[in-house]
Amino acid sequence: MGFRRHGPFQVGDQVQLTDPKNKRHTITLKEDGVFHTHKGAIPHSDLIGQPEGSVVRSANGTQYLAFRHLLQDYTLSMPRGAAVIYPKDAAQIVGMADIFPGARVVEAGVGSGALTCFLLRAVGPEGKVTSYERRQEFADVAKKNVEKFFGGEMDSWRLVVGDLNDSIDEGDVDRIILDMLAPWECVESAAKALTPGGVICVYVATTTQMSKTVEALREHGSFTEPHAWETLVRDWHVEGLAVRPDHRMIGHTGFLVSARRMADGVTPPPRRRRPKGTTEEL
């Protein structure tokens, strides 16, 4: 199930109001609700029945642009039990790990539920996402955030409080996403659960974690050569002929490591290395 994503605003819709300084506020519309700011109040009745992209005015005349919020906006503003995966990294995971409609996905380290929302969107109603979270308090926050965004419980989602290594009961999984302090400890469990050709994708914060994860995948012998990368995002300022990069950017947030599951009993060919003292490839 889920809330409406188009058409005039109705009671129960989550609406994002943006002021002239681009400050954003998310409200849930109620029959007698009122949004209060230091710039004056806005009755929810001024929004109910209006189309998306409308402009409403507060009591002192300040204009607010009204839209249903995008998932990227919601994940950055959601209540947090743990740090969220930024939209730029969630997009990389969905794209580079090839999360497809109908996929069976296991996620370990649910955090505040931000990535879970992206995964559920990607697999659709025919897919399945199972999230493992060790800490009950994080699981509780994630459950509230996910259900608030989708407007209720999701039939395609199962949340398990427990350690992946001890609790996983899935097999023939298409994708496994790990977001935890020591993902290398879960490589064996991931290999057992993944179907041949399946993808493991790991999100880590430090170079030490990245290195240990890559080496664990190599040493296990059931995965292709790991691919490690990070994504940097820089906005641009465009005013007529005044075109320049913004002074601030979303730089390092984390590293991603991915690899594919080999068929049972098959090991990848040995890596080809460059000889020392030369740039010529073998």
Protein backbone atom coordinates (compact mmCIF):
# COMPACT_ATOMS: atom_id res chain seq x y z
CA MET A 1 0.00 0.00 0.00
CA GLY A 2 1.07 3.64 -0.16
CA PHE A 3 -0.12 7.18 -0.24
CA ARG A 4 -1.13 8.97 -3.41
CA ARG A 5 1.71 10.42 -5.46
CA HIS A 6 -0.27 12.58 -7.91
CA GLY A 7 -3.48 14.57 -8.16
CA PRO A 8 -4.81 17.27 -5.82
CA PHE A 9 -3.68 17.23 -2.21
CA GLN A 10 -5.92 15.26 0.14
CA VAL A 11 -6.13 14.66 3.87
CA GLY A 12 -3.32 12.29 4.88
CA ASP A 13 -0.92 13.39 2.13
CA GLN A 14 2.62 14.32 3.12
CA VAL A 15 3.41 17.72 1.65
CA GLN A 16 6.74 19.51 1.43
CA LEU A 17 6.62 23.29 1.83
CA THR A 18 9.64 25.27 0.59
CA ASP A 19 10.16 28.91 1.58
CA PRO A 20 12.00 31.59 -0.46
CA LYS A 21 15.30 30.64 1.22
CA ASN A 22 14.83 27.02 0.08
CA LYS A 23 14.18 25.81 3.64
CA ARG A 24 11.92 22.77 3.49
CA HIS A 25 9.23 21.56 5.87
CA THR A 26 7.23 18.32 5.60
CA ILE A 27 3.69 18.17 6.99
CA THR A 28 0.91 15.58 6.95
CA LEU A 29 -2.39 17.17 5.95
CA LYS A 30 -5.24 17.10 8.45
CA GLU A 31 -8.77 18.50 8.22
CA ASP A 32 -8.21 21.07 10.97
CA GLY A 33 -4.40 21.14 10.87
CA VAL A 34 -2.31 24.31 10.95
CA PHE A 35 1.37 24.66 10.03
CA HIS A 36 3.05 27.20 12.34
CA THR A 37 6.28 29.05 11.57
CA HIS A 38 7.85 32.32 12.71
CA LYS A 39 6.63 33.68 9.36
CA GLY A 40 3.00 33.02 10.21
CA ALA A 41 0.56 30.13 10.13
CA ILE A 42 -0.76 28.20 7.11
CA PRO A 43 -4.04 26.29 7.58
CA HIS A 44 -3.94 22.85 5.99
CA SER A 45 -7.28 23.72 4.39
CA ASP A 46 -5.38 26.15 2.13
CA LEU A 47 -3.60 23.11 0.64
CA ILE A 48 -6.32 20.46 0.59
CA GLY A 49 -7.81 20.25 -2.91
CA GLN A 50 -4.97 22.23 -4.51
CA PRO A 51 -2.77 20.68 -7.24
CA GLU A 52 0.90 19.94 -6.69
CA GLY A 53 3.12 22.87 -7.56
CA SER A 54 0.77 25.36 -5.91
CA VAL A 55 1.94 28.37 -3.91
CA VAL A 56 0.40 29.11 -0.50
CA ARG A 57 0.93 32.15 1.70
CA SER A 58 1.48 32.28 5.43
CA ALA A 59 -0.37 34.79 7.60
CA ASN A 60 2.34 37.42 7.03
CA GLY A 61 2.39 36.90 3.25
CA THR A 62 5.45 34.64 2.89
CA GLN A 63 5.08 32.34 -0.10
CA TYR A 64 5.65 28.59 0.15
CA LEU A 65 5.92 26.19 -2.78
CA ALA A 66 3.94 22.98 -2.15
CA PHE A 67 4.82 19.53 -3.54
CA ARG A 68 4.64 15.97 -2.33
CA HIS A 69 8.16 15.27 -1.16
CA LEU A 70 10.60 13.16 -3.15
CA LEU A 71 12.21 10.13 -1.54
CA GLN A 72 15.58 11.88 -1.53
CA ASP A 73 14.10 14.76 0.48
CA TYR A 74 12.33 12.42 2.88
CA THR A 75 15.42 10.36 3.68
CA LEU A 76 17.47 13.45 4.53
CA SER A 77 14.78 14.80 6.87
CA MET A 78 13.59 11.55 8.50
CA PRO A 79 14.10 10.93 12.24
CA ARG A 80 17.35 9.04 12.74
CA GLY A 81 18.31 6.20 14.98
CA ALA A 82 21.55 5.75 13.03
CA ALA A 83 23.18 7.68 10.20
CA VAL A 84 21.34 7.40 6.88
CA ILE A 85 22.80 6.38 3.54
CA TYR A 86 22.76 9.52 1.41
CA PRO A 87 20.57 9.53 -1.72
CA LYS A 88 23.66 9.68 -3.95
CA ASP A 89 24.91 6.40 -2.49
CA ALA A 90 21.46 4.80 -2.40
CA ALA A 91 21.11 5.61 -6.10
CA GLN A 92 24.47 4.00 -6.79
CA ILE A 93 23.45 0.88 -4.89
CA VAL A 94 20.15 0.59 -6.76
CA GLY A 95 21.82 1.20 -10.11
CA MET A 96 25.20 -0.50 -9.80
CA ALA A 97 23.87 -3.52 -7.89
CA ASP A 98 21.07 -3.74 -10.48
CA ILE A 99 18.14 -3.88 -8.04
CA PHE A 100 15.29 -4.86 -10.37
CA PRO A 101 11.49 -5.25 -10.07
CA GLY A 102 10.71 -8.62 -8.50
CA ALA A 103 14.19 -9.05 -7.00
CA ARG A 104 14.75 -10.86 -3.71
CA VAL A 105 16.99 -8.59 -1.67
CA VAL A 106 18.57 -9.03 1.76
CA GLU A 107 19.75 -5.93 3.60
CA ALA A 108 21.85 -6.07 6.77
CA GLY A 109 22.20 -2.93 8.86
CA VAL A 110 18.85 -1.19 8.37
CA GLY A 111 19.89 1.95 10.26
CA SER A 112 17.10 4.50 9.99
CA GLY A 113 15.42 2.87 6.98
CA ALA A 114 16.57 5.26 4.26
CA LEU A 115 18.10 2.64 1.97
CA THR A 116 15.21 0.30 2.73
CA CYS A 117 12.82 2.80 1.13
CA PHE A 118 14.92 2.91 -2.04
CA LEU A 119 15.14 -0.89 -2.17
CA LEU A 120 11.40 -1.37 -1.71
CA ARG A 121 10.72 1.15 -4.46
CA ALA A 122 13.11 -0.70 -6.78
CA VAL A 123 11.85 -4.27 -6.21
CA GLY A 124 8.19 -3.25 -6.46
CA PRO A 125 5.20 -5.21 -5.14
CA GLU A 126 6.39 -8.46 -6.73
CA GLY A 127 9.79 -8.34 -5.04
CA LYS A 128 10.90 -8.97 -1.48
CA VAL A 129 13.23 -7.07 0.85
CA THR A 130 14.35 -8.65 4.12
CA SER A 131 16.19 -6.31 6.49
CA TYR A 132 18.34 -7.52 9.39
CA GLU A 133 19.13 -5.12 12.21
CA ARG A 134 20.98 -6.05 15.41
CA ARG A 135 19.65 -3.20 17.54
CA GLN A 136 15.98 -3.06 18.47
CA GLU A 137 15.97 0.74 18.85
CA PHE A 138 17.26 1.20 15.29
CA ALA A 139 14.73 -1.31 13.97
CA ASP A 140 11.90 0.59 15.68
CA VAL A 141 12.96 3.90 14.11
CA ALA A 142 13.38 2.31 10.68
CA LYS A 143 9.93 0.67 10.85
CA LYS A 144 8.27 4.02 11.63
CA ASN A 145 10.18 5.83 8.88
CA VAL A 146 9.46 3.23 6.19
CA GLU A 147 5.76 2.94 7.06
CA LYS A 148 5.38 6.71 7.22
CA PHE A 149 6.82 7.11 3.73
CA PHE A 150 4.77 4.33 2.13
CA GLY A 151 1.62 5.08 4.10
CA GLY A 152 1.45 1.80 6.04
CA GLU A 153 2.86 -1.70 6.28
CA MET A 154 4.55 -3.13 3.21
CA ASP A 155 3.77 -6.73 2.20
CA SER A 156 7.09 -6.86 0.36
CA TRP A 157 9.15 -6.06 3.47
CA ARG A 158 10.25 -8.24 6.39
CA LEU A 159 12.22 -6.70 9.27
CA VAL A 160 14.22 -9.08 11.46
CA VAL A 161 15.90 -8.00 14.70
CA GLY A 162 19.06 -10.07 14.89
CA ASP A 163 22.51 -10.71 13.47
CA LEU A 164 22.62 -11.68 9.80
CA ASN A 165 24.96 -14.60 10.44
CA ASP A 166 22.68 -16.05 13.12
CA SER A 167 19.27 -15.21 11.66
CA ILE A 168 19.38 -15.42 7.87
CA ASP A 169 17.08 -18.10 6.51
CA GLU A 170 16.82 -17.06 2.86
CA GLY A 171 18.25 -18.89 -0.12
CA ASP A 172 18.49 -18.07 -3.83
CA VAL A 173 18.73 -14.36 -2.98
CA ASP A 174 19.35 -12.04 -5.92
CA ARG A 175 21.10 -9.21 -4.08
CA ILE A 176 22.67 -8.72 -0.65
CA ILE A 177 23.40 -5.22 0.66
CA LEU A 178 25.60 -4.83 3.75
CA ASP A 179 25.85 -1.60 5.76
CA MET A 180 27.67 -2.44 9.00
CA LEU A 181 30.93 -2.00 10.88
CA ALA A 182 32.44 -5.40 9.96
CA PRO A 183 30.82 -6.62 6.72
CA TRP A 184 33.70 -9.03 6.07
CA GLU A 185 32.31 -11.17 8.87
CA CYS A 186 29.18 -11.80 6.76
CA VAL A 187 30.84 -12.83 3.50
CA GLU A 188 30.32 -16.56 4.15
CA SER A 189 26.63 -16.09 4.98
CA ALA A 190 26.19 -13.93 1.89
CA ALA A 191 27.83 -16.54 -0.32
CA LYS A 192 25.49 -19.26 0.99
CA ALA A 193 22.38 -17.14 0.47
CA LEU A 194 23.16 -15.65 -2.95
CA THR A 195 22.09 -17.35 -6.14
CA PRO A 196 24.85 -17.82 -8.76
CA GLY A 197 25.17 -14.51 -10.60
CA GLY A 198 23.79 -12.62 -7.61
CA VAL A 199 25.40 -9.40 -6.42
CA ILE A 200 26.80 -8.42 -3.05
CA CYS A 201 27.14 -4.68 -2.46
CA VAL A 202 28.79 -3.29 0.68
CA TYR A 203 28.69 0.26 2.04
CA VAL A 204 31.55 1.25 4.36
CA ALA A 205 32.84 4.54 5.74
CA THR A 206 36.63 4.09 5.94
CA THR A 207 39.48 2.88 3.75
CA THR A 208 40.36 0.24 6.37
CA GLN A 209 36.86 -1.23 6.17
CA MET A 210 36.99 -1.12 2.38
CA SER A 211 40.34 -2.92 2.28
CA LYS A 212 39.26 -5.68 4.69
CA THR A 213 36.01 -6.19 2.76
CA VAL A 214 37.76 -6.48 -0.60
CA GLU A 215 40.32 -8.94 0.77
CA ALA A 216 37.61 -11.05 2.43
CA LEU A 217 35.71 -11.32 -0.85
CA ARG A 218 38.90 -12.27 -2.70
CA GLU A 219 39.92 -14.86 -0.12
CA HIS A 220 36.50 -16.51 0.00
CA GLY A 221 36.91 -17.69 -3.58
CA SER A 222 33.22 -17.64 -4.56
CA PHE A 223 33.10 -14.08 -5.89
CA THR A 224 34.38 -12.20 -8.88
CA GLU A 225 37.09 -9.57 -8.41
CA PRO A 226 35.54 -6.85 -6.18
CA HIS A 227 34.91 -3.38 -7.55
CA ALA A 228 35.42 -0.49 -5.10
CA TRP A 229 34.45 3.13 -5.68
CA GLU A 230 33.00 6.33 -4.22
CA THR A 231 30.74 9.01 -5.67
CA LEU A 232 31.20 12.77 -5.31
CA VAL A 233 28.39 15.20 -6.15
CA ARG A 234 28.90 18.91 -6.95
CA ASP A 235 26.08 21.30 -7.75
CA TRP A 236 26.47 24.19 -10.18
CA HIS A 237 25.31 27.79 -9.89
CA VAL A 238 23.72 29.03 -13.12
CA GLU A 239 22.57 32.66 -13.50
CA GLY A 240 22.64 33.78 -17.12
CA LEU A 241 26.30 33.81 -18.18
CA ALA A 242 27.47 33.47 -14.57
CA VAL A 243 28.07 29.73 -14.50
CA ARG A 244 30.33 28.25 -11.83
CA PRO A 245 30.50 25.27 -9.48
CA ASP A 246 29.01 25.78 -6.05
CA HIS A 247 31.51 26.48 -3.29
CA ARG A 248 30.24 23.51 -1.30
CA MET A 249 29.73 19.95 -2.48
CA ILE A 250 28.67 16.55 -1.15
CA GLY A 251 32.07 14.94 -0.99
CA HIS A 252 32.98 11.71 0.72
CA THR A 253 30.11 9.94 2.46
CA GLY A 254 31.20 6.33 2.05
CA PHE A 255 32.77 3.68 -0.15
CA LEU A 256 30.93 0.98 -2.07
CA VAL A 257 32.27 -2.48 -2.87
CA SER A 258 30.49 -4.95 -5.14
CA ALA A 259 31.12 -8.43 -6.53
CA ARG A 260 29.13 -11.24 -8.15
CA ARG A 261 28.58 -14.76 -6.88
CA MET A 262 30.28 -17.46 -8.92
CA ALA A 263 28.62 -20.80 -9.63
CA ASP A 264 29.09 -23.45 -6.94
CA GLY A 265 32.45 -25.16 -7.22
CA VAL A 266 33.82 -22.55 -9.62
CA THR A 267 36.59 -20.15 -8.64
CA PRO A 268 37.48 -16.98 -10.51
CA PRO A 269 40.68 -17.01 -12.60
CA PRO A 270 43.75 -15.56 -10.88
CA ARG A 271 44.11 -11.80 -11.01
CA ARG A 272 46.50 -10.39 -13.57
CA ARG A 273 48.99 -8.02 -11.99
CA ARG A 274 51.27 -5.42 -13.52
CA PRO A 275 54.97 -6.22 -13.09
CA LYS A 276 56.85 -3.84 -10.80
CA GLY A 277 58.62 -0.96 -12.52
CA THR A 278 56.45 -0.86 -15.64
CA THR A 279 53.06 0.50 -16.69
CA GLU A 280 52.64 -2.05 -19.44
CA GLU A 281 49.79 -4.51 -18.74
CA LEU A 282 50.41 -8.20 -19.03
